[in-house]
Amino acid sequence: MSVPILGIRRHWTCPNCTVEDVTTEVKPHSRFHRCKGLHGLTAPMVQSGTKAKVYVREREDYIAEDKVQLHGSRPVMSVVTERNDGQDVVVFAPTATAGGAMK
């Protein structure tokens, strides 16, 4: 039998835009959103009161024909969340494509 724990509310904010949210999930979790401050990229939110910086790291390698996420017109490698106790990274891998002759 599981017993619900009442009163657990986490308040989330984004340091790059005005989005705020509240969750009541008991298990460890995080919140993501499409951030207007980061040109619509999927970015994490941080718990209210947490001093953090969320920023984009551009790809530094050759893109060629890869299908990649863009920040404006620049290719994105990841979104980094830096806090006093460490950092988290969301990596945007290129989309795989395939081609060939139909028989």
C-alpha atoms as a PDB file:
ATOM      1  CA  MET A   1       0.000   0.000   0.000  1.00  0.00           C
ATOM      2  CA  SER A   2       1.396   3.387  -0.914  1.00  0.00           C
ATOM      3  CA  VAL A   3       0.722   6.368   1.289  1.00  0.00           C
ATOM      4  CA  PRO A   4       0.691   9.781  -0.400  1.00  0.00           C
ATOM      5  CA  ILE A   5       2.853  12.450   1.162  1.00  0.00           C
ATOM      6  CA  LEU A   6       0.889  15.662   1.214  1.00  0.00           C
ATOM      7  CA  GLY A   7       2.227  19.166   0.914  1.00  0.00           C
ATOM      8  CA  ILE A   8       5.274  18.575  -1.294  1.00  0.00           C
ATOM      9  CA  ARG A   9       5.260  21.406  -3.810  1.00  0.00           C
ATOM     10  CA  ARG A  10       8.265  22.358  -5.903  1.00  0.00           C
ATOM     11  CA  HIS A  11       8.316  25.772  -7.524  1.00  0.00           C
ATOM     12  CA  TRP A  12      10.264  25.996 -10.786  1.00  0.00           C
ATOM     13  CA  THR A  13      11.532  29.049 -12.698  1.00  0.00           C
ATOM     14  CA  CYS A  14      13.634  29.730 -15.772  1.00  0.00           C
ATOM     15  CA  PRO A  15      16.548  32.182 -15.525  1.00  0.00           C
ATOM     16  CA  ASN A  16      16.191  33.014 -19.268  1.00  0.00           C
ATOM     17  CA  CYS A  17      12.450  33.709 -19.571  1.00  0.00           C
ATOM     18  CA  THR A  18       9.356  34.293 -17.450  1.00  0.00           C
ATOM     19  CA  VAL A  19       8.031  30.704 -17.313  1.00  0.00           C
ATOM     20  CA  GLU A  20       7.169  29.369 -13.856  1.00  0.00           C
ATOM     21  CA  ASP A  21       5.615  26.071 -12.787  1.00  0.00           C
ATOM     22  CA  VAL A  22       4.690  24.072  -9.689  1.00  0.00           C
ATOM     23  CA  THR A  23       4.915  20.280  -9.336  1.00  0.00           C
ATOM     24  CA  THR A  24       3.766  17.928  -6.587  1.00  0.00           C
ATOM     25  CA  GLU A  25       5.732  14.816  -7.630  1.00  0.00           C
ATOM     26  CA  VAL A  26       7.297  13.065  -4.628  1.00  0.00           C
ATOM     27  CA  LYS A  27      10.050  11.257  -6.560  1.00  0.00           C
ATOM     28  CA  PRO A  28      13.157  13.171  -7.752  1.00  0.00           C
ATOM     29  CA  HIS A  29      12.390  14.938 -11.016  1.00  0.00           C
ATOM     30  CA  SER A  30      13.060  18.048 -13.073  1.00  0.00           C
ATOM     31  CA  ARG A  31      11.040  20.289 -15.393  1.00  0.00           C
ATOM     32  CA  PHE A  32      11.772  21.195 -19.001  1.00  0.00           C
ATOM     33  CA  HIS A  33      10.097  23.737 -21.261  1.00  0.00           C
ATOM     34  CA  ARG A  34      10.448  25.373 -24.665  1.00  0.00           C
ATOM     35  CA  CYS A  35      12.389  28.470 -23.624  1.00  0.00           C
ATOM     36  CA  LYS A  36      11.615  31.709 -25.462  1.00  0.00           C
ATOM     37  CA  GLY A  37      14.863  33.164 -24.093  1.00  0.00           C
ATOM     38  CA  LEU A  38      16.816  30.388 -25.852  1.00  0.00           C
ATOM     39  CA  HIS A  39      14.977  30.603 -29.218  1.00  0.00           C
ATOM     40  CA  GLY A  40      12.536  27.791 -28.382  1.00  0.00           C
ATOM     41  CA  LEU A  41      15.102  25.157 -27.385  1.00  0.00           C
ATOM     42  CA  THR A  42      14.028  22.592 -24.813  1.00  0.00           C
ATOM     43  CA  ALA A  43      15.700  23.758 -21.617  1.00  0.00           C
ATOM     44  CA  PRO A  44      15.538  22.767 -17.950  1.00  0.00           C
ATOM     45  CA  MET A  45      13.928  24.893 -15.283  1.00  0.00           C
ATOM     46  CA  VAL A  46      15.541  25.284 -11.843  1.00  0.00           C
ATOM     47  CA  GLN A  47      13.901  25.178  -8.444  1.00  0.00           C
ATOM     48  CA  SER A  48      12.945  28.648  -7.248  1.00  0.00           C
ATOM     49  CA  GLY A  49      15.642  30.197  -5.107  1.00  0.00           C
ATOM     50  CA  THR A  50      18.439  28.197  -6.760  1.00  0.00           C
ATOM     51  CA  LYS A  51      21.236  30.386  -8.064  1.00  0.00           C
ATOM     52  CA  ALA A  52      21.866  28.985 -11.541  1.00  0.00           C
ATOM     53  CA  LYS A  53      22.892  29.940 -15.044  1.00  0.00           C
ATOM     54  CA  VAL A  54      21.365  28.158 -18.065  1.00  0.00           C
ATOM     55  CA  TYR A  55      23.125  28.725 -21.384  1.00  0.00           C
ATOM     56  CA  VAL A  56      23.643  27.273 -24.868  1.00  0.00           C
ATOM     57  CA  ARG A  57      26.902  25.739 -26.119  1.00  0.00           C
ATOM     58  CA  GLU A  58      27.346  25.928 -29.863  1.00  0.00           C
ATOM     59  CA  ARG A  59      28.628  23.032 -31.931  1.00  0.00           C
ATOM     60  CA  GLU A  60      32.293  23.413 -32.738  1.00  0.00           C
ATOM     61  CA  ASP A  61      32.586  20.605 -35.259  1.00  0.00           C
ATOM     62  CA  TYR A  62      31.777  20.393 -38.965  1.00  0.00           C
ATOM     63  CA  ILE A  63      28.032  20.126 -39.561  1.00  0.00           C
ATOM     64  CA  ALA A  64      27.952  18.974 -43.226  1.00  0.00           C
ATOM     65  CA  GLU A  65      24.466  17.554 -43.931  1.00  0.00           C
ATOM     66  CA  ASP A  66      23.605  16.749 -40.286  1.00  0.00           C
ATOM     67  CA  LYS A  67      20.140  17.756 -39.113  1.00  0.00           C
ATOM     68  CA  VAL A  68      20.888  19.733 -35.930  1.00  0.00           C
ATOM     69  CA  GLN A  69      19.093  21.950 -33.401  1.00  0.00           C
ATOM     70  CA  LEU A  70      19.530  25.672 -33.989  1.00  0.00           C
ATOM     71  CA  HIS A  71      19.811  28.626 -31.621  1.00  0.00           C
ATOM     72  CA  GLY A  72      18.726  31.372 -33.951  1.00  0.00           C
ATOM     73  CA  SER A  73      20.828  30.474 -36.990  1.00  0.00           C
ATOM     74  CA  ARG A  74      23.693  28.839 -35.035  1.00  0.00           C
ATOM     75  CA  PRO A  75      24.012  25.055 -34.507  1.00  0.00           C
ATOM     76  CA  VAL A  76      23.636  23.895 -30.894  1.00  0.00           C
ATOM     77  CA  MET A  77      25.550  21.139 -29.135  1.00  0.00           C
ATOM     78  CA  SER A  78      23.961  21.376 -25.662  1.00  0.00           C
ATOM     79  CA  VAL A  79      22.209  23.415 -22.992  1.00  0.00           C
ATOM     80  CA  VAL A  80      24.200  23.677 -19.755  1.00  0.00           C
ATOM     81  CA  THR A  81      22.803  24.386 -16.277  1.00  0.00           C
ATOM     82  CA  GLU A  82      25.497  25.592 -13.864  1.00  0.00           C
ATOM     83  CA  ARG A  83      24.859  25.741 -10.123  1.00  0.00           C
ATOM     84  CA  ASN A  84      27.168  26.205  -7.143  1.00  0.00           C
ATOM     85  CA  ASP A  85      27.100  22.439  -6.500  1.00  0.00           C
ATOM     86  CA  GLY A  86      27.710  21.263 -10.071  1.00  0.00           C
ATOM     87  CA  GLN A  87      26.282  21.264 -13.563  1.00  0.00           C
ATOM     88  CA  ASP A  88      23.854  19.338 -15.756  1.00  0.00           C
ATOM     89  CA  VAL A  89      23.958  19.130 -19.545  1.00  0.00           C
ATOM     90  CA  VAL A  90      21.218  18.413 -22.097  1.00  0.00           C
ATOM     91  CA  VAL A  91      22.889  17.189 -25.306  1.00  0.00           C
ATOM     92  CA  PHE A  92      21.260  17.638 -28.723  1.00  0.00           C
ATOM     93  CA  ALA A  93      22.505  14.789 -30.902  1.00  0.00           C
ATOM     94  CA  PRO A  94      22.145  15.190 -34.679  1.00  0.00           C
ATOM     95  CA  THR A  95      19.201  13.417 -36.277  1.00  0.00           C
ATOM     96  CA  ALA A  96      20.154  10.321 -38.221  1.00  0.00           C
ATOM     97  CA  THR A  97      19.145  10.144 -41.878  1.00  0.00           C
ATOM     98  CA  ALA A  98      19.425   7.408 -44.451  1.00  0.00           C
ATOM     99  CA  GLY A  99      19.228   7.278 -48.182  1.00  0.00           C
ATOM    100  CA  GLY A 100      19.414   4.754 -50.926  1.00  0.00           C
ATOM    101  CA  ALA A 101      17.944   3.582 -54.161  1.00  0.00           C
ATOM    102  CA  MET A 102      14.543   1.915 -54.113  1.00  0.00           C
ATOM    103  CA  LYS A 103      14.357  -1.381 -56.028  1.00  0.00           C
END
